C-alpha atoms as a PDB file:
ATOM      1  CA  MET A   1      18.401   6.743 -21.152  1.00  0.00           C
ATOM      2  CA  ARG A   2      19.063   9.553 -18.722  1.00  0.00           C
ATOM      3  CA  ALA A   3      17.744   8.813 -15.233  1.00  0.00           C
ATOM      4  CA  SER A   4      17.533  12.517 -14.403  1.00  0.00           C
ATOM      5  CA  THR A   5      15.188  13.095 -17.357  1.00  0.00           C
ATOM      6  CA  VAL A   6      12.959  10.174 -16.374  1.00  0.00           C
ATOM      7  CA  LYS A   7      12.705  11.536 -12.835  1.00  0.00           C
ATOM      8  CA  GLU A   8      11.900  15.003 -14.136  1.00  0.00           C
ATOM      9  CA  TYR A   9       9.080  13.574 -16.256  1.00  0.00           C
ATOM     10  CA  ALA A  10       7.683  11.553 -13.332  1.00  0.00           C
ATOM     11  CA  ARG A  11       7.684  14.545 -11.011  1.00  0.00           C
ATOM     12  CA  SER A  12       6.008  16.699 -13.675  1.00  0.00           C
ATOM     13  CA  LEU A  13       3.206  14.112 -13.738  1.00  0.00           C
ATOM     14  CA  GLY A  14       2.686  14.473  -9.995  1.00  0.00           C
ATOM     15  CA  ALA A  15       5.020  11.924  -8.398  1.00  0.00           C
ATOM     16  CA  SER A  16       6.026  12.865  -4.847  1.00  0.00           C
ATOM     17  CA  ALA A  17       9.074  10.594  -4.991  1.00  0.00           C
ATOM     18  CA  VAL A  18      10.789   8.662  -7.761  1.00  0.00           C
ATOM     19  CA  GLY A  19      13.728   6.260  -7.848  1.00  0.00           C
ATOM     20  CA  ILE A  20      15.265   3.840 -10.328  1.00  0.00           C
ATOM     21  CA  ALA A  21      16.785   0.401  -9.762  1.00  0.00           C
ATOM     22  CA  PRO A  22      18.349  -2.153 -12.117  1.00  0.00           C
ATOM     23  CA  ALA A  23      16.100  -5.157 -12.713  1.00  0.00           C
ATOM     24  CA  GLY A  24      17.318  -8.463 -11.293  1.00  0.00           C
ATOM     25  CA  PRO A  25      16.380 -11.346  -9.000  1.00  0.00           C
ATOM     26  CA  VAL A  26      14.983 -10.424  -5.586  1.00  0.00           C
ATOM     27  CA  GLU A  27      17.674 -10.884  -2.939  1.00  0.00           C
ATOM     28  CA  LYS A  28      15.156 -11.660  -0.183  1.00  0.00           C
ATOM     29  CA  ARG A  29      13.760 -14.719  -1.943  1.00  0.00           C
ATOM     30  CA  GLN A  30      14.178 -17.118   0.983  1.00  0.00           C
ATOM     31  CA  GLN A  31      12.672 -14.718   3.516  1.00  0.00           C
ATOM     32  CA  TYR A  32       9.563 -14.472   1.360  1.00  0.00           C
ATOM     33  CA  LEU A  33       9.268 -18.229   0.907  1.00  0.00           C
ATOM     34  CA  ASP A  34       9.719 -18.745   4.658  1.00  0.00           C
ATOM     35  CA  TRP A  35       6.983 -16.171   5.330  1.00  0.00           C
ATOM     36  CA  LEU A  36       4.584 -18.082   3.086  1.00  0.00           C
ATOM     37  CA  ALA A  37       5.542 -21.396   4.688  1.00  0.00           C
ATOM     38  CA  ARG A  38       4.607 -20.053   8.146  1.00  0.00           C
ATOM     39  CA  GLY A  39       1.062 -19.413   6.921  1.00  0.00           C
ATOM     40  CA  TYR A  40       1.322 -15.676   7.529  1.00  0.00           C
ATOM     41  CA  ALA A  41      -0.444 -14.901   4.215  1.00  0.00           C
ATOM     42  CA  GLY A  42      -3.719 -16.380   5.476  1.00  0.00           C
ATOM     43  CA  GLU A  43      -6.380 -16.447   2.770  1.00  0.00           C
ATOM     44  CA  MET A  44      -4.234 -14.414   0.356  1.00  0.00           C
ATOM     45  CA  THR A  45      -3.412 -17.468  -1.733  1.00  0.00           C
ATOM     46  CA  TYR A  46      -2.611 -15.244  -4.721  1.00  0.00           C
ATOM     47  CA  LEU A  47       0.691 -14.450  -3.010  1.00  0.00           C
ATOM     48  CA  LYS A  48       1.734 -18.065  -3.542  1.00  0.00           C
ATOM     49  CA  ARG A  49       1.045 -18.010  -7.269  1.00  0.00           C
ATOM     50  CA  TYR A  50       3.558 -16.911  -9.918  1.00  0.00           C
ATOM     51  CA  ARG A  51       6.413 -17.088  -7.420  1.00  0.00           C
ATOM     52  CA  ASN A  52       9.105 -17.091 -10.098  1.00  0.00           C
ATOM     53  CA  GLU A  53       7.631 -13.940 -11.637  1.00  0.00           C
ATOM     54  CA  ARG A  54       7.260 -12.286  -8.245  1.00  0.00           C
ATOM     55  CA  LEU A  55      10.853 -12.998  -7.316  1.00  0.00           C
ATOM     56  CA  ASN A  56      12.421 -12.048 -10.648  1.00  0.00           C
ATOM     57  CA  PRO A  57      11.102  -9.139 -12.776  1.00  0.00           C
ATOM     58  CA  GLU A  58      12.740 -10.644 -15.857  1.00  0.00           C
ATOM     59  CA  GLU A  59      10.382 -13.617 -15.488  1.00  0.00           C
ATOM     60  CA  LEU A  60       7.432 -11.246 -15.151  1.00  0.00           C
ATOM     61  CA  PHE A  61       8.499  -9.013 -18.030  1.00  0.00           C
ATOM     62  CA  PRO A  62      11.032 -10.580 -20.434  1.00  0.00           C
ATOM     63  CA  GLY A  63      13.712  -8.092 -21.358  1.00  0.00           C
ATOM     64  CA  ALA A  64      13.353  -6.100 -18.101  1.00  0.00           C
ATOM     65  CA  ARG A  65      16.395  -3.906 -17.498  1.00  0.00           C
ATOM     66  CA  SER A  66      15.246  -1.090 -15.208  1.00  0.00           C
ATOM     67  CA  ILE A  67      12.534  -0.466 -12.635  1.00  0.00           C
ATOM     68  CA  ILE A  68      11.132   3.038 -12.174  1.00  0.00           C
ATOM     69  CA  VAL A  69       9.348   3.379  -8.834  1.00  0.00           C
ATOM     70  CA  VAL A  70       7.088   6.326  -8.058  1.00  0.00           C
ATOM     71  CA  GLY A  71       5.546   7.269  -4.745  1.00  0.00           C
ATOM     72  CA  LEU A  72       2.493   9.418  -4.029  1.00  0.00           C
ATOM     73  CA  ASN A  73       2.163  11.150  -0.686  1.00  0.00           C
ATOM     74  CA  TYR A  74      -1.318  10.721   0.795  1.00  0.00           C
ATOM     75  CA  TYR A  75      -0.913  12.313   4.231  1.00  0.00           C
ATOM     76  CA  PRO A  76      -3.894  14.657   4.731  1.00  0.00           C
ATOM     77  CA  ALA A  77      -3.712  18.218   5.992  1.00  0.00           C
ATOM     78  CA  ALA A  78      -3.806  18.452   9.798  1.00  0.00           C
ATOM     79  CA  ASN A  79      -7.371  19.802   9.916  1.00  0.00           C
ATOM     80  CA  ARG A  80      -8.639  16.809   7.924  1.00  0.00           C
ATOM     81  CA  GLN A  81      -6.539  14.082   9.495  1.00  0.00           C
ATOM     82  CA  ARG A  82      -8.421  13.940  12.783  1.00  0.00           C
ATOM     83  CA  GLN A  83     -10.956  11.120  12.788  1.00  0.00           C
ATOM     84  CA  SER A  84     -12.047  11.153  16.408  1.00  0.00           C
ATOM     85  CA  ASP A  85     -15.450  12.510  15.390  1.00  0.00           C
ATOM     86  CA  VAL A  86     -16.291   9.723  12.951  1.00  0.00           C
ATOM     87  CA  GLN A  87     -18.395   6.699  13.791  1.00  0.00           C
ATOM     88  CA  HIS A  88     -16.368   4.316  11.658  1.00  0.00           C
ATOM     89  CA  ARG A  89     -12.777   4.763  10.552  1.00  0.00           C
ATOM     90  CA  VAL A  90     -11.323   4.252   7.073  1.00  0.00           C
ATOM     91  CA  ALA A  91      -7.552   3.941   6.584  1.00  0.00           C
ATOM     92  CA  LEU A  92      -6.187   7.235   5.294  1.00  0.00           C
ATOM     93  CA  TYR A  93      -4.965   5.805   1.982  1.00  0.00           C
ATOM     94  CA  ALA A  94      -8.515   4.700   1.091  1.00  0.00           C
ATOM     95  CA  ARG A  95     -10.381   7.963   1.729  1.00  0.00           C
ATOM     96  CA  GLY A  96      -9.968   9.231  -1.834  1.00  0.00           C
ATOM     97  CA  GLU A  97      -9.964   7.654  -5.272  1.00  0.00           C
ATOM     98  CA  ASP A  98      -8.448   4.171  -5.461  1.00  0.00           C
ATOM     99  CA  TYR A  99      -4.703   4.821  -5.519  1.00  0.00           C
ATOM    100  CA  HIS A 100      -4.210   1.897  -7.917  1.00  0.00           C
ATOM    101  CA  ARG A 101      -6.131   3.867 -10.551  1.00  0.00           C
ATOM    102  CA  VAL A 102      -4.304   7.093  -9.777  1.00  0.00           C
ATOM    103  CA  LEU A 103      -0.864   5.512 -10.019  1.00  0.00           C
ATOM    104  CA  ARG A 104      -1.708   3.540 -13.159  1.00  0.00           C
ATOM    105  CA  ARG A 105      -2.812   6.732 -14.932  1.00  0.00           C
ATOM    106  CA  MET A 106       0.439   8.393 -13.977  1.00  0.00           C
ATOM    107  CA  LEU A 107       2.597   5.445 -15.043  1.00  0.00           C
ATOM    108  CA  LYS A 108       0.748   5.073 -18.359  1.00  0.00           C
ATOM    109  CA  ARG A 109       1.449   8.715 -19.125  1.00  0.00           C
ATOM    110  CA  LEU A 110       5.079   8.251 -18.150  1.00  0.00           C
ATOM    111  CA  ARG A 111       5.395   5.160 -20.355  1.00  0.00           C
ATOM    112  CA  THR A 112       3.807   6.992 -23.297  1.00  0.00           C
ATOM    113  CA  ARG A 113       6.154   9.925 -22.921  1.00  0.00           C
ATOM    114  CA  LEU A 114       9.232   7.698 -22.736  1.00  0.00           C
ATOM    115  CA  HIS A 115       8.026   5.676 -25.728  1.00  0.00           C
ATOM    116  CA  ARG A 116       7.768   8.850 -27.835  1.00  0.00           C
ATOM    117  CA  GLU A 117      11.458   9.492 -27.263  1.00  0.00           C
ATOM    118  CA  HIS A 118      12.519   5.827 -27.348  1.00  0.00           C
ATOM    119  CA  PRO A 119      10.262   3.970 -29.849  1.00  0.00           C
ATOM    120  CA  ASP A 120      11.734   0.577 -28.914  1.00  0.00           C
ATOM    121  CA  LEU A 121      10.840   1.004 -25.266  1.00  0.00           C
ATOM    122  CA  ARG A 122       8.315  -1.361 -23.718  1.00  0.00           C
ATOM    123  CA  GLY A 123       7.088  -1.340 -20.129  1.00  0.00           C
ATOM    124  CA  ARG A 124       4.968  -3.246 -17.615  1.00  0.00           C
ATOM    125  CA  ILE A 125       3.015  -1.279 -15.005  1.00  0.00           C
ATOM    126  CA  CYS A 126       2.872  -2.823 -11.529  1.00  0.00           C
ATOM    127  CA  VAL A 127       0.654  -1.430  -8.779  1.00  0.00           C
ATOM    128  CA  ASP A 128       0.052  -4.095  -6.110  1.00  0.00           C
ATOM    129  CA  THR A 129      -2.006  -6.439  -8.262  1.00  0.00           C
ATOM    130  CA  ALA A 130       0.865  -7.810 -10.394  1.00  0.00           C
ATOM    131  CA  PRO A 131       3.133 -10.562  -8.977  1.00  0.00           C
ATOM    132  CA  PHE A 132       5.756  -7.993  -8.049  1.00  0.00           C
ATOM    133  CA  MET A 133       7.512  -7.065  -4.795  1.00  0.00           C
ATOM    134  CA  ASP A 134       6.447  -3.417  -4.694  1.00  0.00           C
ATOM    135  CA  LYS A 135       7.945  -2.389  -1.347  1.00  0.00           C
ATOM    136  CA  TYR A 136      11.156  -4.307  -1.950  1.00  0.00           C
ATOM    137  CA  TRP A 137      11.753  -2.455  -5.224  1.00  0.00           C
ATOM    138  CA  ALA A 138      10.879   0.891  -3.648  1.00  0.00           C
ATOM    139  CA  GLY A 139      13.718   0.194  -1.217  1.00  0.00           C
ATOM    140  CA  MET A 140      16.089  -0.858  -4.000  1.00  0.00           C
ATOM    141  CA  ALA A 141      15.218   2.340  -5.875  1.00  0.00           C
ATOM    142  CA  GLY A 142      16.142   4.442  -2.834  1.00  0.00           C
ATOM    143  CA  ILE A 143      12.671   5.797  -2.063  1.00  0.00           C
ATOM    144  CA  GLY A 144      12.659   4.387   1.461  1.00  0.00           C
ATOM    145  CA  TRP A 145      13.010   1.151   3.401  1.00  0.00           C
ATOM    146  CA  GLN A 146      10.667  -1.478   4.781  1.00  0.00           C
ATOM    147  CA  GLY A 147      10.276  -0.683   8.448  1.00  0.00           C
ATOM    148  CA  LYS A 148       9.708  -3.158  11.245  1.00  0.00           C
ATOM    149  CA  HIS A 149       5.982  -2.910  10.463  1.00  0.00           C
ATOM    150  CA  THR A 150       6.889  -4.143   6.916  1.00  0.00           C
ATOM    151  CA  ASN A 151       5.518  -0.966   5.319  1.00  0.00           C
ATOM    152  CA  LEU A 152       7.601   1.553   3.424  1.00  0.00           C
ATOM    153  CA  VAL A 153       9.199   4.372   5.417  1.00  0.00           C
ATOM    154  CA  SER A 154      10.558   7.513   3.779  1.00  0.00           C
ATOM    155  CA  ARG A 155      12.851  10.109   5.334  1.00  0.00           C
ATOM    156  CA  GLU A 156      10.976  12.694   3.284  1.00  0.00           C
ATOM    157  CA  PHE A 157       7.335  11.589   3.740  1.00  0.00           C
ATOM    158  CA  GLY A 158       7.289   9.255   6.731  1.00  0.00           C
ATOM    159  CA  SER A 159       5.024   6.222   6.319  1.00  0.00           C
ATOM    160  CA  TRP A 160       2.547   7.935   3.996  1.00  0.00           C
ATOM    161  CA  LEU A 161       3.491   6.884   0.454  1.00  0.00           C
ATOM    162  CA  VAL A 162       1.559   4.653  -1.932  1.00  0.00           C
ATOM    163  CA  ILE A 163       3.804   3.218  -4.623  1.00  0.00           C
ATOM    164  CA  GLY A 164       3.736   1.924  -8.165  1.00  0.00           C
ATOM    165  CA  SER A 165       6.398   0.782 -10.624  1.00  0.00           C
ATOM    166  CA  LEU A 166       7.144   0.767 -14.331  1.00  0.00           C
ATOM    167  CA  VAL A 167       9.373  -2.126 -15.398  1.00  0.00           C
ATOM    168  CA  ILE A 168      11.023  -1.260 -18.714  1.00  0.00           C
ATOM    169  CA  ASN A 169      13.381  -2.836 -21.220  1.00  0.00           C
ATOM    170  CA  GLY A 170      15.539   0.305 -21.309  1.00  0.00           C
ATOM    171  CA  GLU A 171      18.964   0.766 -19.739  1.00  0.00           C
ATOM    172  CA  MET A 172      19.601   3.805 -17.531  1.00  0.00           C
ATOM    173  CA  ASP A 173      22.781   5.846 -17.341  1.00  0.00           C
ATOM    174  CA  CYS A 174      22.681   5.494 -13.536  1.00  0.00           C
ATOM    175  CA  HIS A 175      20.613   4.000 -10.722  1.00  0.00           C
ATOM    176  CA  ASP A 176      19.733   5.001  -7.177  1.00  0.00           C
ATOM    177  CA  ARG A 177      21.336   3.255  -4.248  1.00  0.00           C
ATOM    178  CA  PRO A 178      19.199   0.946  -2.120  1.00  0.00           C
ATOM    179  CA  HIS A 179      17.972   2.802   0.962  1.00  0.00           C
ATOM    180  CA  LEU A 180      19.512   1.917   4.296  1.00  0.00           C
ATOM    181  CA  ASP A 181      17.298   0.746   7.158  1.00  0.00           C
ATOM    182  CA  ARG A 182      16.908   3.619   9.631  1.00  0.00           C
ATOM    183  CA  CYS A 183      14.650   1.944  12.214  1.00  0.00           C
ATOM    184  CA  GLY A 184      17.445   1.359  14.724  1.00  0.00           C
ATOM    185  CA  ASN A 185      16.190   0.184  18.123  1.00  0.00           C
ATOM    186  CA  CYS A 186      12.731   1.724  17.727  1.00  0.00           C
ATOM    187  CA  ARG A 187       9.777  -0.602  18.379  1.00  0.00           C
ATOM    188  CA  ARG A 188       6.892   1.866  18.391  1.00  0.00           C
ATOM    189  CA  CYS A 189       5.102   0.304  15.433  1.00  0.00           C
ATOM    190  CA  LEU A 190       5.353  -3.194  16.906  1.00  0.00           C
ATOM    191  CA  GLU A 191       4.055  -2.088  20.285  1.00  0.00           C
ATOM    192  CA  ALA A 192       1.187  -0.054  18.786  1.00  0.00           C
ATOM    193  CA  CYS A 193      -0.497  -3.097  17.242  1.00  0.00           C
ATOM    194  CA  PRO A 194      -3.492  -4.077  19.432  1.00  0.00           C
ATOM    195  CA  THR A 195      -3.759  -7.582  17.952  1.00  0.00           C
ATOM    196  CA  ARG A 196      -0.038  -8.523  18.166  1.00  0.00           C
ATOM    197  CA  ALA A 197       0.291  -9.034  14.414  1.00  0.00           C
ATOM    198  CA  PHE A 198       4.104  -8.850  14.517  1.00  0.00           C
ATOM    199  CA  PRO A 199       5.659 -12.089  15.799  1.00  0.00           C
ATOM    200  CA  GLU A 200       9.041 -10.387  15.357  1.00  0.00           C
ATOM    201  CA  PRO A 201      10.383  -7.210  13.739  1.00  0.00           C
ATOM    202  CA  TYR A 202       9.981  -7.142   9.936  1.00  0.00           C
ATOM    203  CA  GLN A 203       7.506 -10.041  10.082  1.00  0.00           C
ATOM    204  CA  LEU A 204       3.764  -9.503   9.701  1.00  0.00           C
ATOM    205  CA  ASP A 205       1.352 -12.308  10.508  1.00  0.00           C
ATOM    206  CA  ALA A 206      -1.536 -11.157   8.330  1.00  0.00           C
ATOM    207  CA  THR A 207      -3.936 -13.494  10.136  1.00  0.00           C
ATOM    208  CA  ARG A 208      -3.560 -11.236  13.217  1.00  0.00           C
ATOM    209  CA  CYS A 209      -3.797  -7.944  11.289  1.00  0.00           C
ATOM    210  CA  ILE A 210      -6.852  -5.661  11.408  1.00  0.00           C
ATOM    211  CA  SER A 211      -6.259  -4.528   7.811  1.00  0.00           C
ATOM    212  CA  TYR A 212      -6.259  -8.133   6.650  1.00  0.00           C
ATOM    213  CA  TRP A 213      -9.487  -8.961   8.451  1.00  0.00           C
ATOM    214  CA  THR A 214     -11.354  -5.833   7.370  1.00  0.00           C
ATOM    215  CA  ILE A 215     -10.243  -5.959   3.717  1.00  0.00           C
ATOM    216  CA  GLU A 216      -8.827  -9.285   2.548  1.00  0.00           C
ATOM    217  CA  SER A 217     -10.605 -11.948   4.571  1.00  0.00           C
ATOM    218  CA  LYS A 218     -13.814 -13.435   3.190  1.00  0.00           C
ATOM    219  CA  GLN A 219     -14.824 -15.080   6.464  1.00  0.00           C
ATOM    220  CA  ASP A 220     -18.376 -14.488   7.686  1.00  0.00           C
ATOM    221  CA  LYS A 221     -17.225 -13.309  11.096  1.00  0.00           C
ATOM    222  CA  ILE A 222     -14.161 -11.593  12.512  1.00  0.00           C
ATOM    223  CA  PRO A 223     -12.626 -13.508  15.445  1.00  0.00           C
ATOM    224  CA  ALA A 224     -13.480 -12.055  18.847  1.00  0.00           C
ATOM    225  CA  ASP A 225      -9.851 -11.403  19.812  1.00  0.00           C
ATOM    226  CA  ILE A 226      -9.293  -9.401  16.610  1.00  0.00           C
ATOM    227  CA  ALA A 227     -12.573  -7.496  16.996  1.00  0.00           C
ATOM    228  CA  ALA A 228     -11.606  -6.594  20.570  1.00  0.00           C
ATOM    229  CA  GLY A 229      -8.657  -4.591  19.236  1.00  0.00           C
ATOM    230  CA  MET A 230     -10.455  -2.919  16.339  1.00  0.00           C
ATOM    231  CA  ASP A 231     -11.638   0.253  18.085  1.00  0.00           C
ATOM    232  CA  ASN A 232     -13.752   1.768  15.260  1.00  0.00           C
ATOM    233  CA  GLU A 233     -11.728   0.614  12.241  1.00  0.00           C
ATOM    234  CA  VAL A 234     -13.941  -0.824   9.514  1.00  0.00           C
ATOM    235  CA  PHE A 235     -11.590  -0.600   6.528  1.00  0.00           C
ATOM    236  CA  GLY A 236      -7.878  -0.947   7.144  1.00  0.00           C
ATOM    237  CA  CYS A 237      -5.830   0.292  10.064  1.00  0.00           C
ATOM    238  CA  ASP A 238      -3.207   3.037  10.393  1.00  0.00           C
ATOM    239  CA  ARG A 239      -1.976   2.333  13.909  1.00  0.00           C
ATOM    240  CA  CYS A 240       1.460   0.854  13.215  1.00  0.00           C
ATOM    241  CA  ILE A 241       2.375   3.431  10.591  1.00  0.00           C
ATOM    242  CA  SER A 242       0.910   6.436  12.412  1.00  0.00           C
ATOM    243  CA  VAL A 243       3.334   6.134  15.357  1.00  0.00           C
ATOM    244  CA  CYS A 244       6.503   6.040  13.237  1.00  0.00           C
ATOM    245  CA  PRO A 245       8.968   8.755  14.367  1.00  0.00           C
ATOM    246  CA  PHE A 246       9.780   9.541  10.739  1.00  0.00           C
ATOM    247  CA  ASN A 247       6.260  10.921  10.362  1.00  0.00           C
ATOM    248  CA  ARG A 248       7.661  14.166  11.697  1.00  0.00           C
ATOM    249  CA  PHE A 249       8.745  14.714   8.088  1.00  0.00           C
ATOM    250  CA  SER A 250       5.193  14.236   6.767  1.00  0.00           C
ATOM    251  CA  LYS A 251       3.833  16.769   4.304  1.00  0.00           C
ATOM    252  CA  PRO A 252       0.195  17.401   3.290  1.00  0.00           C
ATOM    253  CA  GLU A 253      -0.758  15.590   0.085  1.00  0.00           C
ATOM    254  CA  ARG A 254      -1.122  17.574  -3.111  1.00  0.00           C
ATOM    255  CA  THR A 255      -2.801  14.944  -5.275  1.00  0.00           C
ATOM    256  CA  GLN A 256      -6.431  15.987  -5.582  1.00  0.00           C
ATOM    257  CA  ALA A 257      -7.581  12.439  -6.386  1.00  0.00           C
ATOM    258  CA  LEU A 258      -6.334  11.154  -3.014  1.00  0.00           C
ATOM    259  CA  LYS A 259      -8.222  13.704  -0.941  1.00  0.00           C
ATOM    260  CA  ARG A 260     -11.193  12.637   1.180  1.00  0.00           C
ATOM    261  CA  THR A 261     -14.403  11.992  -0.769  1.00  0.00           C
ATOM    262  CA  CYS A 262     -18.110  11.637  -0.015  1.00  0.00           C
ATOM    263  CA  GLN A 263     -17.722   7.860  -0.431  1.00  0.00           C
ATOM    264  CA  SER A 264     -15.528   7.612   2.647  1.00  0.00           C
ATOM    265  CA  GLU A 265     -18.053   9.781   4.490  1.00  0.00           C
ATOM    266  CA  LEU A 266     -20.728   7.156   3.771  1.00  0.00           C
ATOM    267  CA  ILE A 267     -18.598   4.658   5.687  1.00  0.00           C
ATOM    268  CA  GLU A 268     -17.621   7.026   8.495  1.00  0.00           C
ATOM    269  CA  SER A 269     -21.208   8.044   9.209  1.00  0.00           C
ATOM    270  CA  GLY A 270     -22.681   4.556   8.929  1.00  0.00           C
ATOM    271  CA  GLU A 271     -24.939   5.625   6.041  1.00  0.00           C
ATOM    272  CA  VAL A 272     -23.410   2.815   3.996  1.00  0.00           C
ATOM    273  CA  LEU A 273     -25.709   0.391   5.834  1.00  0.00           C
ATOM    274  CA  ARG A 274     -28.675   1.893   3.996  1.00  0.00           C
ATOM    275  CA  LEU A 275     -27.282   0.972   0.575  1.00  0.00           C
ATOM    276  CA  THR A 276     -28.198  -2.023  -1.532  1.00  0.00           C
ATOM    277  CA  GLU A 277     -25.451  -4.130  -3.120  1.00  0.00           C
ATOM    278  CA  GLU A 278     -26.045  -2.397  -6.450  1.00  0.00           C
ATOM    279  CA  GLN A 279     -25.933   1.063  -4.896  1.00  0.00           C
ATOM    280  CA  PHE A 280     -22.735   0.187  -3.026  1.00  0.00           C
ATOM    281  CA  ASP A 281     -21.021  -1.005  -6.201  1.00  0.00           C
ATOM    282  CA  LEU A 282     -21.986   2.208  -8.008  1.00  0.00           C
ATOM    283  CA  GLU A 283     -20.978   4.530  -5.167  1.00  0.00           C
ATOM    284  CA  PHE A 284     -17.614   2.853  -4.590  1.00  0.00           C
ATOM    285  CA  ALA A 285     -16.718   1.981  -8.196  1.00  0.00           C
ATOM    286  CA  GLY A 286     -13.636   4.216  -8.064  1.00  0.00           C
ATOM    287  CA  SER A 287     -12.706   3.553  -4.440  1.00  0.00           C
ATOM    288  CA  ALA A 288     -10.379   1.032  -2.813  1.00  0.00           C
ATOM    289  CA  ILE A 289     -13.192   0.409  -0.301  1.00  0.00           C
ATOM    290  CA  ARG A 290     -15.046  -1.576  -2.967  1.00  0.00           C
ATOM    291  CA  ARG A 291     -12.577  -4.415  -2.411  1.00  0.00           C
ATOM    292  CA  ALA A 292     -14.249  -5.306   0.897  1.00  0.00           C
ATOM    293  CA  GLY A 293     -17.722  -5.248  -0.646  1.00  0.00           C
ATOM    294  CA  LEU A 294     -20.898  -4.249   1.162  1.00  0.00           C
ATOM    295  CA  ARG A 295     -21.031  -7.644   2.853  1.00  0.00           C
ATOM    296  CA  GLY A 296     -17.533  -7.157   4.236  1.00  0.00           C
ATOM    297  CA  ILE A 297     -18.231  -3.617   5.461  1.00  0.00           C
ATOM    298  CA  LYS A 298     -21.393  -4.788   7.222  1.00  0.00           C
ATOM    299  CA  ARG A 299     -19.449  -7.638   8.835  1.00  0.00           C
ATOM    300  CA  ASN A 300     -16.775  -5.195  10.033  1.00  0.00           C
ATOM    301  CA  ILE A 301     -19.298  -2.764  11.491  1.00  0.00           C
ATOM    302  CA  ASP A 302     -21.074  -5.624  13.210  1.00  0.00           C
ATOM    303  CA  ALA A 303     -17.751  -6.751  14.721  1.00  0.00           C
ATOM    304  CA  ILE A 304     -17.029  -3.397  16.379  1.00  0.00           C
ATOM    305  CA  ARG A 305     -20.599  -3.020  17.593  1.00  0.00           C
ATOM    306  CA  HIS A 306     -20.623  -6.394  19.321  1.00  0.00           C
ATOM    307  CA  LYS A 307     -16.995  -6.741  20.365  1.00  0.00           C
ATOM    308  CA  ILE A 308     -15.998  -7.878  23.814  1.00  0.00           C
ATOM    309  CA  PRO A 309     -13.495  -5.464  25.391  1.00  0.00           C
ATOM    310  CA  PRO A 310     -10.017  -6.981  25.945  1.00  0.00           C
ATOM    311  CA  GLY A 311      -9.017  -8.090  29.445  1.00  0.00           C
END
């Protein structure tokens, strides 16, 4: 199978970036196991399950030979990126349709197109929810590298790519080279974190992370020291990625589905507090914000309204 043709198809479907890596065991297995052992995953116990599958795509998808990784740029146009006038802030990736849905649609179409030309082809779509090392494989496919903030960094799009992968049983005529780490001595992302969520470069302690507390945690209350650093973030946090020097290469997104919607405006204005559980579920059915639930959003808003300033 020609890699150039696969990339052409992916880009025609709207991919901002695309790379291809050979399937094989994850080289950073021990680093991942050590990270889990330190308790840095917090309540995200799902990260401990299916470890063999997570660390070897051939365990996840028998017959895996190649991994096609696509990236979607979600950086908003300059006149829409400013959020200083909003009451509550939503991470930029979550202001449009749930990117999981957007990427899955794209990868399903790509798989269908490849299957038409190669009837024996099979493929497994992975977008965050599968036991799959998404950012690791994006690096192996040459799309970017995991920066010191542990997020993906691209020389073409900065820190503003959401990613998804198609693991297939087909062999490629060539693969992309793994991307080199370009962070150098820079520590801007580490120093920008108000809750000190990075015990060391390339290590995230999720239990200190604002994104973790506002999205993943099911606790009734956000700890006071975390709330003190939240500013007005109520779903996610962009601070570590927004200061990356490679963001000078950022480009406005072109994917209509990822553009800001009225659902994010409900959060930003505080109108979400007027909704019932049923209304919230209907309004946010196609949004990543639904993951936090109305209860979580109310908890987050309460945390920033009653926080004790640091110092």
